[in-house]
C-alpha atoms as a PDB file:
ATOM      1  CA  MET A   1     215.028  72.797 -89.337  1.00  0.00           C
ATOM      2  CA  LEU A   2     214.592  75.919 -88.045  1.00  0.00           C
ATOM      3  CA  ARG A   3     213.516  77.504 -91.342  1.00  0.00           C
ATOM      4  CA  ILE A   4     211.622  74.254 -92.404  1.00  0.00           C
ATOM      5  CA  THR A   5     209.487  75.395 -89.217  1.00  0.00           C
ATOM      6  CA  GLY A   6     209.127  78.984 -90.426  1.00  0.00           C
ATOM      7  CA  PHE A   7     208.125  77.763 -94.243  1.00  0.00           C
ATOM      8  CA  MET A   8     205.021  75.616 -92.234  1.00  0.00           C
ATOM      9  CA  LEU A   9     204.125  78.664 -89.948  1.00  0.00           C
ATOM     10  CA  THR A  10     204.251  81.247 -93.204  1.00  0.00           C
ATOM     11  CA  THR A  11     202.439  79.321 -94.991  1.00  0.00           C
ATOM     12  CA  MET A  12     199.698  78.326 -91.841  1.00  0.00           C
ATOM     13  CA  LEU A  13     199.142  81.840 -91.734  1.00  0.00           C
ATOM     14  CA  MET A  14     198.673  82.584 -95.460  1.00  0.00           C
ATOM     15  CA  ALA A  15     195.945  79.944 -95.130  1.00  0.00           C
ATOM     16  CA  LEU A  16     194.831  81.501 -92.539  1.00  0.00           C
ATOM     17  CA  GLY A  17     195.096  84.884 -93.867  1.00  0.00           C
ATOM     18  CA  THR A  18     192.500  83.629 -97.234  1.00  0.00           C
ATOM     19  CA  TYR A  19     190.050  83.059 -93.998  1.00  0.00           C
ATOM     20  CA  VAL A  20     189.865  86.844 -93.842  1.00  0.00           C
ATOM     21  CA  VAL A  21     190.343  87.700 -97.353  1.00  0.00           C
ATOM     22  CA  PHE A  22     187.088  85.652 -98.039  1.00  0.00           C
ATOM     23  CA  PHE A  23     184.883  87.201 -94.987  1.00  0.00           C
ATOM     24  CA  LEU A  24     186.308  90.388 -95.814  1.00  0.00           C
ATOM     25  CA  ALA A  25     185.117  90.021 -99.095  1.00  0.00           C
ATOM     26  CA  ILE A  26     181.483  88.903 -98.374  1.00  0.00           C
ATOM     27  CA  GLY A  27     181.244  92.174 -96.375  1.00  0.00           C
ATOM     28  CA  GLY A  28     182.109  93.872 -99.884  1.00  0.00           C
ATOM     29  CA  PHE A  29     185.573  94.741 -98.227  1.00  0.00           C
ATOM     30  CA  SER A  30     184.132  96.628 -95.152  1.00  0.00           C
ATOM     31  CA  LEU A  31     185.361  95.600 -91.707  1.00  0.00           C
ATOM     32  CA  ASP A  32     181.316  96.649 -90.620  1.00  0.00           C
ATOM     33  CA  GLY A  33     180.335  94.133 -93.527  1.00  0.00           C
ATOM     34  CA  MET A  34     182.544  91.432 -92.116  1.00  0.00           C
ATOM     35  CA  MET A  35     181.127  91.056 -88.822  1.00  0.00           C
ATOM     36  CA  ALA A  36     178.017  91.319 -89.460  1.00  0.00           C
ATOM     37  CA  HIS A  37     178.412  87.812 -91.583  1.00  0.00           C
ATOM     38  CA  LEU A  38     180.472  86.654 -88.776  1.00  0.00           C
ATOM     39  CA  ALA A  39     177.886  87.532 -86.102  1.00  0.00           C
ATOM     40  CA  ASN A  40     175.471  86.185 -88.388  1.00  0.00           C
ATOM     41  CA  MET A  41     177.180  82.973 -88.885  1.00  0.00           C
ATOM     42  CA  ALA A  42     178.143  83.068 -85.436  1.00  0.00           C
ATOM     43  CA  ASP A  43     174.867  82.821 -84.670  1.00  0.00           C
ATOM     44  CA  ARG A  44     173.631  80.432 -86.623  1.00  0.00           C
ATOM     45  CA  TYR A  45     176.391  77.893 -85.364  1.00  0.00           C
ATOM     46  CA  VAL A  46     175.169  78.406 -81.425  1.00  0.00           C
ATOM     47  CA  ALA A  47     171.517  77.212 -82.616  1.00  0.00           C
ATOM     48  CA  ALA A  48     173.033  74.170 -84.810  1.00  0.00           C
ATOM     49  CA  ASP A  49     172.709  70.818 -83.822  1.00  0.00           C
ATOM     50  CA  ALA A  50     175.386  68.319 -83.510  1.00  0.00           C
ATOM     51  CA  ALA A  51     175.409  66.520 -86.890  1.00  0.00           C
ATOM     52  CA  ARG A  52     175.523  70.142 -88.677  1.00  0.00           C
ATOM     53  CA  ILE A  53     177.908  71.414 -86.489  1.00  0.00           C
ATOM     54  CA  ALA A  54     180.577  68.046 -87.130  1.00  0.00           C
ATOM     55  CA  GLY A  55     179.068  69.199 -90.960  1.00  0.00           C
ATOM     56  CA  PHE A  56     181.036  72.766 -90.184  1.00  0.00           C
ATOM     57  CA  LYS A  57     184.073  71.209 -88.827  1.00  0.00           C
ATOM     58  CA  ALA A  58     184.218  68.941 -91.315  1.00  0.00           C
ATOM     59  CA  ILE A  59     184.138  71.706 -93.981  1.00  0.00           C
ATOM     60  CA  ALA A  60     186.433  74.553 -92.270  1.00  0.00           C
ATOM     61  CA  GLY A  61     188.980  71.850 -91.707  1.00  0.00           C
ATOM     62  CA  THR A  62     188.867  70.207 -95.237  1.00  0.00           C
ATOM     63  CA  THR A  63     189.637  74.088 -97.126  1.00  0.00           C
ATOM     64  CA  PHE A  64     191.754  75.190 -94.263  1.00  0.00           C
ATOM     65  CA  ILE A  65     193.844  71.737 -95.574  1.00  0.00           C
ATOM     66  CA  MET A  66     193.536  72.118 -98.883  1.00  0.00           C
ATOM     67  CA  GLY A  67     194.672  75.795 -98.390  1.00  0.00           C
ATOM     68  CA  ILE A  68     197.872  75.215 -96.767  1.00  0.00           C
ATOM     69  CA  LEU A  69     198.589  72.182 -99.357  1.00  0.00           C
ATOM     70  CA  ALA A  70     197.706  75.142-102.468  1.00  0.00           C
ATOM     71  CA  ILE A  71     200.185  77.872-100.825  1.00  0.00           C
ATOM     72  CA  ALA A  72     202.793  75.284-100.037  1.00  0.00           C
ATOM     73  CA  PHE A  73     202.584  74.115-103.556  1.00  0.00           C
ATOM     74  CA  LEU A  74     202.535  77.488-104.992  1.00  0.00           C
ATOM     75  CA  ARG A  75     205.568  77.773-102.389  1.00  0.00           C
ATOM     76  CA  ARG A  76     207.322  74.643-103.423  1.00  0.00           C
ATOM     77  CA  HIS A  77     210.724  76.707-105.042  1.00  0.00           C
ATOM     78  CA  THR A  78     211.091  77.693-101.447  1.00  0.00           C
ATOM     79  CA  LEU A  79     210.649  74.900 -99.755  1.00  0.00           C
ATOM     80  CA  ALA A  80     213.096  72.400-101.913  1.00  0.00           C
ATOM     81  CA  ASN A  81     215.569  75.276-101.279  1.00  0.00           C
ATOM     82  CA  LEU A  82     215.230  74.884 -97.805  1.00  0.00           C
ATOM     83  CA  LEU A  83     215.641  70.729 -98.158  1.00  0.00           C
ATOM     84  CA  PRO A  84     218.964  68.952 -97.303  1.00  0.00           C
ATOM     85  CA  GLY A  85     220.554  68.056-100.604  1.00  0.00           C
ATOM     86  CA  ASN A  86     220.115  70.740-102.822  1.00  0.00           C
ATOM     87  CA  ALA A  87     222.109  73.592-104.133  1.00  0.00           C
ATOM     88  CA  GLY A  88     220.409  76.625-102.391  1.00  0.00           C
ATOM     89  CA  GLU A  89     220.480  74.657 -99.142  1.00  0.00           C
ATOM     90  CA  PRO A  90     222.096  77.638 -96.521  1.00  0.00           C
ATOM     91  CA  GLU A  91     224.817  76.265 -93.922  1.00  0.00           C
END
């Protein structure tokens, strides 16, 4: 159970890391550029109305879940070894 929890936690951290890589990429792979883009997005988020904020949250949540599913799919062999009844099951 602890290994499966670790698998889920590391998969979620990898999905969060994709956000960081995305913002680094649009910032020209510099910390200053990334912070400038995040500040711009934060200013627009605060100024938006409730419907646009809800839409942004839906997009952000959907992309996060899709990232988790994609990373979990790519790591499926590790997960298969953790499930009971497999030959690679840890003792």
